[in-house]
Amino acid sequence: MAFIRQILDRVGDKWSMLIIAILEDGALRYTDLQRDVPGISQRMLSHTLRQLQQDGLITRTAYAEVPPRVEYTLTPLSRGLLDIVKQLIGWASDHHDEIRAHRDRATAAS
């Protein structure tokens, strides 16, 4: 059960879900990911990419070019997770106004 919790912690964090969703359309370079993931620091992006790669959810391909080029892509393992991530993002998008109203009422009541 502890390992399942670790997996859920990894794939359920906000940065991992956003990166997986952004990589849906194909390979991206580090700078593209940094641009497309709002608010993520370089350190957190590097850390999250490394963890996703260690878990087999993304691949990192380095090309022997000048300047060096590195691309990240989803693996077949993460393709199954992608549908779940997209559903969660869709749910959050559909209900963000309602949740914001609940938060505002809770803040006003305290």
N, C-alpha and C. Protein backbone atom coordinates (compact mmCIF):
# COMPACT_ATOMS: atom_id res chain seq x y z
N MET A 1 0.83 -1.20 0.00
CA MET A 1 0.00 0.00 0.00
C MET A 1 0.87 1.26 0.00
N ALA A 2 2.00 1.23 0.64
CA ALA A 2 2.88 2.40 0.67
C ALA A 2 3.37 2.77 -0.73
N PHE A 3 3.68 1.76 -1.55
CA PHE A 3 4.17 2.04 -2.90
C PHE A 3 3.07 2.65 -3.76
N ILE A 4 1.84 2.19 -3.57
CA ILE A 4 0.71 2.77 -4.32
C ILE A 4 0.55 4.24 -3.94
N ARG A 5 0.68 4.55 -2.67
CA ARG A 5 0.59 5.94 -2.22
C ARG A 5 1.70 6.78 -2.86
N GLN A 6 2.90 6.21 -2.96
CA GLN A 6 4.02 6.93 -3.59
C GLN A 6 3.72 7.22 -5.06
N ILE A 7 3.15 6.24 -5.75
CA ILE A 7 2.79 6.44 -7.16
C ILE A 7 1.73 7.52 -7.29
N LEU A 8 0.70 7.46 -6.44
CA LEU A 8 -0.35 8.47 -6.49
C LEU A 8 0.18 9.85 -6.16
N ASP A 9 1.10 9.93 -5.20
CA ASP A 9 1.73 11.22 -4.88
C ASP A 9 2.47 11.76 -6.10
N ARG A 10 3.16 10.89 -6.80
CA ARG A 10 3.97 11.32 -7.95
C ARG A 10 3.08 11.79 -9.10
N VAL A 11 2.15 10.94 -9.52
CA VAL A 11 1.36 11.30 -10.70
C VAL A 11 0.26 12.30 -10.38
N GLY A 12 -0.06 12.44 -9.10
CA GLY A 12 -1.14 13.34 -8.72
C GLY A 12 -0.69 14.75 -8.40
N ASP A 13 0.61 15.01 -8.41
CA ASP A 13 1.02 16.38 -8.10
C ASP A 13 0.74 17.27 -9.31
N LYS A 14 0.57 18.55 -9.06
CA LYS A 14 0.11 19.46 -10.12
C LYS A 14 1.08 19.54 -11.28
N TRP A 15 2.37 19.51 -11.01
CA TRP A 15 3.33 19.66 -12.10
C TRP A 15 3.35 18.43 -13.00
N SER A 16 3.31 17.25 -12.41
CA SER A 16 3.32 16.03 -13.21
C SER A 16 2.10 15.96 -14.12
N MET A 17 0.93 16.27 -13.58
CA MET A 17 -0.28 16.22 -14.38
C MET A 17 -0.23 17.21 -15.53
N LEU A 18 0.24 18.42 -15.26
CA LEU A 18 0.32 19.42 -16.32
C LEU A 18 1.31 19.01 -17.40
N ILE A 19 2.47 18.49 -17.00
CA ILE A 19 3.48 18.06 -17.97
C ILE A 19 2.94 16.93 -18.83
N ILE A 20 2.29 15.96 -18.22
CA ILE A 20 1.73 14.84 -18.98
C ILE A 20 0.69 15.34 -19.98
N ALA A 21 -0.16 16.27 -19.54
CA ALA A 21 -1.18 16.81 -20.43
C ALA A 21 -0.55 17.59 -21.58
N ILE A 22 0.46 18.37 -21.30
CA ILE A 22 1.11 19.18 -22.33
C ILE A 22 1.84 18.32 -23.35
N LEU A 23 2.38 17.19 -22.92
CA LEU A 23 3.11 16.30 -23.83
C LEU A 23 2.18 15.43 -24.69
N GLU A 24 0.88 15.58 -24.53
CA GLU A 24 -0.07 14.77 -25.30
C GLU A 24 0.15 14.89 -26.80
N ASP A 25 0.45 16.08 -27.28
CA ASP A 25 0.54 16.30 -28.72
C ASP A 25 1.89 15.93 -29.32
N GLY A 26 2.83 15.49 -28.49
CA GLY A 26 4.11 15.07 -29.04
C GLY A 26 5.29 15.61 -28.27
N ALA A 27 6.47 15.33 -28.80
CA ALA A 27 7.73 15.67 -28.14
C ALA A 27 7.89 17.18 -28.00
N LEU A 28 8.44 17.58 -26.85
CA LEU A 28 8.74 18.98 -26.60
C LEU A 28 10.12 19.11 -25.98
N ARG A 29 10.75 20.23 -26.27
CA ARG A 29 12.03 20.54 -25.65
C ARG A 29 11.80 21.15 -24.27
N TYR A 30 12.85 21.17 -23.48
CA TYR A 30 12.78 21.69 -22.12
C TYR A 30 12.24 23.12 -22.12
N THR A 31 12.76 23.97 -22.99
CA THR A 31 12.32 25.37 -23.01
C THR A 31 10.85 25.50 -23.39
N ASP A 32 10.38 24.60 -24.26
CA ASP A 32 8.95 24.61 -24.61
C ASP A 32 8.10 24.24 -23.41
N LEU A 33 8.54 23.23 -22.66
CA LEU A 33 7.81 22.83 -21.46
C LEU A 33 7.80 23.95 -20.44
N GLN A 34 8.94 24.60 -20.26
CA GLN A 34 9.01 25.69 -19.29
C GLN A 34 8.04 26.82 -19.67
N ARG A 35 7.94 27.09 -20.95
CA ARG A 35 7.03 28.13 -21.43
C ARG A 35 5.57 27.71 -21.25
N ASP A 36 5.28 26.42 -21.47
CA ASP A 36 3.90 25.95 -21.47
C ASP A 36 3.36 25.55 -20.10
N VAL A 37 4.23 25.43 -19.10
CA VAL A 37 3.79 25.11 -17.73
C VAL A 37 3.88 26.38 -16.91
N PRO A 38 2.78 27.10 -16.77
CA PRO A 38 2.83 28.39 -16.08
C PRO A 38 3.22 28.26 -14.61
N GLY A 39 4.17 29.11 -14.21
CA GLY A 39 4.54 29.18 -12.80
C GLY A 39 5.58 28.18 -12.32
N ILE A 40 6.05 27.30 -13.18
CA ILE A 40 7.02 26.29 -12.73
C ILE A 40 8.43 26.87 -12.81
N SER A 41 9.22 26.61 -11.78
CA SER A 41 10.61 27.06 -11.79
C SER A 41 11.47 26.08 -12.57
N GLN A 42 12.65 26.51 -12.97
CA GLN A 42 13.57 25.61 -13.68
C GLN A 42 13.90 24.40 -12.81
N ARG A 43 14.14 24.65 -11.53
CA ARG A 43 14.49 23.56 -10.61
C ARG A 43 13.36 22.54 -10.51
N MET A 44 12.12 23.02 -10.37
CA MET A 44 10.98 22.11 -10.23
C MET A 44 10.71 21.37 -11.53
N LEU A 45 10.87 22.05 -12.66
CA LEU A 45 10.67 21.37 -13.94
C LEU A 45 11.69 20.26 -14.12
N SER A 46 12.95 20.54 -13.85
CA SER A 46 14.00 19.52 -13.96
C SER A 46 13.73 18.35 -13.03
N HIS A 47 13.35 18.66 -11.80
CA HIS A 47 13.07 17.62 -10.80
C HIS A 47 11.89 16.74 -11.24
N THR A 48 10.82 17.38 -11.69
CA THR A 48 9.62 16.64 -12.10
C THR A 48 9.90 15.79 -13.34
N LEU A 49 10.61 16.34 -14.30
CA LEU A 49 10.95 15.56 -15.50
C LEU A 49 11.80 14.35 -15.13
N ARG A 50 12.75 14.54 -14.24
CA ARG A 50 13.61 13.43 -13.80
C ARG A 50 12.78 12.33 -13.12
N GLN A 51 11.85 12.73 -12.26
CA GLN A 51 11.00 11.75 -11.58
C GLN A 51 10.09 11.01 -12.56
N LEU A 52 9.48 11.74 -13.48
CA LEU A 52 8.61 11.10 -14.47
C LEU A 52 9.40 10.13 -15.34
N GLN A 53 10.63 10.48 -15.66
CA GLN A 53 11.49 9.60 -16.44
C GLN A 53 11.85 8.35 -15.63
N GLN A 54 12.18 8.52 -14.36
CA GLN A 54 12.53 7.38 -13.50
C GLN A 54 11.37 6.39 -13.39
N ASP A 55 10.15 6.90 -13.40
CA ASP A 55 8.97 6.04 -13.29
C ASP A 55 8.52 5.47 -14.63
N GLY A 56 9.20 5.83 -15.70
CA GLY A 56 8.85 5.29 -17.01
C GLY A 56 7.67 5.97 -17.67
N LEU A 57 7.34 7.20 -17.22
CA LEU A 57 6.19 7.89 -17.76
C LEU A 57 6.54 8.82 -18.92
N ILE A 58 7.80 9.24 -18.99
CA ILE A 58 8.27 10.02 -20.13
C ILE A 58 9.63 9.49 -20.55
N THR A 59 9.98 9.78 -21.79
CA THR A 59 11.33 9.47 -22.26
C THR A 59 12.05 10.78 -22.54
N ARG A 60 13.35 10.75 -22.34
CA ARG A 60 14.22 11.89 -22.61
C ARG A 60 15.17 11.46 -23.71
N THR A 61 15.14 12.18 -24.82
CA THR A 61 16.02 11.85 -25.95
C THR A 61 16.95 13.03 -26.19
N ALA A 62 18.25 12.75 -26.08
CA ALA A 62 19.26 13.78 -26.34
C ALA A 62 19.84 13.54 -27.73
N TYR A 63 19.88 14.60 -28.53
CA TYR A 63 20.40 14.53 -29.88
C TYR A 63 21.80 15.14 -29.92
N ALA A 64 22.71 14.48 -30.63
CA ALA A 64 24.09 14.95 -30.74
C ALA A 64 24.16 16.06 -31.78
N GLU A 65 23.72 17.22 -31.40
CA GLU A 65 23.72 18.38 -32.28
C GLU A 65 24.37 19.55 -31.56
N VAL A 66 24.69 20.58 -32.32
CA VAL A 66 25.20 21.80 -31.73
C VAL A 66 24.25 22.93 -32.14
N PRO A 67 23.58 23.57 -31.19
CA PRO A 67 23.61 23.28 -29.76
C PRO A 67 22.86 21.99 -29.45
N PRO A 68 23.14 21.39 -28.29
CA PRO A 68 22.47 20.13 -27.92
C PRO A 68 20.95 20.30 -27.87
N ARG A 69 20.26 19.26 -28.29
CA ARG A 69 18.79 19.28 -28.26
C ARG A 69 18.31 18.08 -27.46
N VAL A 70 17.40 18.33 -26.54
CA VAL A 70 16.81 17.27 -25.72
C VAL A 70 15.30 17.40 -25.84
N GLU A 71 14.64 16.27 -26.09
CA GLU A 71 13.18 16.27 -26.20
C GLU A 71 12.59 15.27 -25.22
N TYR A 72 11.39 15.58 -24.76
CA TYR A 72 10.65 14.73 -23.83
C TYR A 72 9.36 14.29 -24.50
N THR A 73 9.03 13.01 -24.34
CA THR A 73 7.80 12.46 -24.90
C THR A 73 7.14 11.53 -23.89
N LEU A 74 5.86 11.31 -24.09
CA LEU A 74 5.13 10.34 -23.26
C LEU A 74 5.51 8.92 -23.68
N THR A 75 5.46 8.01 -22.73
CA THR A 75 5.68 6.60 -23.01
C THR A 75 4.32 5.91 -23.14
N PRO A 76 4.29 4.68 -23.64
CA PRO A 76 3.02 3.95 -23.67
C PRO A 76 2.39 3.82 -22.27
N LEU A 77 3.21 3.69 -21.25
CA LEU A 77 2.69 3.60 -19.88
C LEU A 77 1.91 4.85 -19.50
N SER A 78 2.40 6.00 -19.89
CA SER A 78 1.72 7.25 -19.51
C SER A 78 0.51 7.54 -20.37
N ARG A 79 0.39 6.89 -21.51
CA ARG A 79 -0.79 7.13 -22.37
C ARG A 79 -2.08 6.73 -21.65
N GLY A 80 -2.04 5.65 -20.86
CA GLY A 80 -3.22 5.27 -20.09
C GLY A 80 -3.53 6.28 -19.00
N LEU A 81 -2.51 6.86 -18.43
CA LEU A 81 -2.68 7.88 -17.40
C LEU A 81 -3.19 9.19 -18.00
N LEU A 82 -2.84 9.45 -19.25
CA LEU A 82 -3.22 10.70 -19.90
C LEU A 82 -4.73 10.91 -19.90
N ASP A 83 -5.50 9.87 -20.17
CA ASP A 83 -6.96 10.00 -20.17
C ASP A 83 -7.48 10.43 -18.80
N ILE A 84 -6.91 9.87 -17.76
CA ILE A 84 -7.33 10.22 -16.39
C ILE A 84 -6.95 11.67 -16.09
N VAL A 85 -5.75 12.06 -16.47
CA VAL A 85 -5.28 13.44 -16.24
C VAL A 85 -6.20 14.42 -16.97
N LYS A 86 -6.53 14.12 -18.21
CA LYS A 86 -7.40 15.01 -18.98
C LYS A 86 -8.79 15.11 -18.35
N GLN A 87 -9.29 14.02 -17.79
CA GLN A 87 -10.59 14.06 -17.12
C GLN A 87 -10.52 14.94 -15.87
N LEU A 88 -9.43 14.83 -15.10
CA LEU A 88 -9.28 15.66 -13.91
C LEU A 88 -9.17 17.14 -14.28
N ILE A 89 -8.39 17.43 -15.30
CA ILE A 89 -8.26 18.82 -15.74
C ILE A 89 -9.60 19.35 -16.24
N GLY A 90 -10.32 18.54 -16.98
CA GLY A 90 -11.65 18.93 -17.46
C GLY A 90 -12.61 19.18 -16.33
N TRP A 91 -12.59 18.31 -15.32
CA TRP A 91 -13.46 18.48 -14.16
C TRP A 91 -13.13 19.79 -13.45
N ALA A 92 -11.84 20.05 -13.24
CA ALA A 92 -11.42 21.29 -12.57
C ALA A 92 -11.86 22.51 -13.38
N SER A 93 -11.73 22.42 -14.68
CA SER A 93 -12.14 23.53 -15.55
C SER A 93 -13.65 23.75 -15.48
N ASP A 94 -14.41 22.67 -15.49
CA ASP A 94 -15.87 22.75 -15.46
C ASP A 94 -16.40 23.31 -14.14
N HIS A 95 -15.68 23.08 -13.05
CA HIS A 95 -16.21 23.41 -11.71
C HIS A 95 -15.43 24.50 -10.98
N HIS A 96 -14.49 25.15 -11.66
CA HIS A 96 -13.68 26.12 -10.92
C HIS A 96 -14.48 27.29 -10.36
N ASP A 97 -15.50 27.75 -11.08
CA ASP A 97 -16.32 28.86 -10.56
C ASP A 97 -17.07 28.44 -9.30
N GLU A 98 -17.63 27.26 -9.32
CA GLU A 98 -18.37 26.75 -8.16
C GLU A 98 -17.45 26.57 -6.96
N ILE A 99 -16.28 26.04 -7.18
CA ILE A 99 -15.32 25.83 -6.09
C ILE A 99 -14.85 27.17 -5.55
N ARG A 100 -14.59 28.13 -6.44
CA ARG A 100 -14.17 29.46 -5.99
C ARG A 100 -15.25 30.09 -5.12
N ALA A 101 -16.52 29.94 -5.50
CA ALA A 101 -17.62 30.49 -4.70
C ALA A 101 -17.67 29.85 -3.32
N HIS A 102 -17.46 28.54 -3.25
CA HIS A 102 -17.43 27.86 -1.95
C HIS A 102 -16.28 28.37 -1.09
N ARG A 103 -15.12 28.55 -1.70
CA ARG A 103 -13.96 29.06 -0.95
C ARG A 103 -14.23 30.47 -0.44
N ASP A 104 -14.81 31.30 -1.29
CA ASP A 104 -15.12 32.68 -0.87
C ASP A 104 -16.09 32.69 0.30
N ARG A 105 -17.13 31.83 0.25
CA ARG A 105 -18.08 31.76 1.36
C ARG A 105 -17.41 31.27 2.64
N ALA A 106 -16.54 30.28 2.50
CA ALA A 106 -15.84 29.75 3.69
C ALA A 106 -14.92 30.81 4.29
N THR A 107 -14.26 31.58 3.45
CA THR A 107 -13.37 32.64 3.94
C THR A 107 -14.18 33.73 4.62
N ALA A 108 -15.31 34.09 4.05
CA ALA A 108 -16.15 35.14 4.64
C ALA A 108 -16.74 34.71 5.97
N ALA A 109 -17.00 33.41 6.12
CA ALA A 109 -17.60 32.88 7.36
C ALA A 109 -16.57 32.78 8.49
N SER A 110 -15.29 32.75 8.15
CA SER A 110 -14.29 32.59 9.23
C SER A 110 -13.73 33.88 9.72
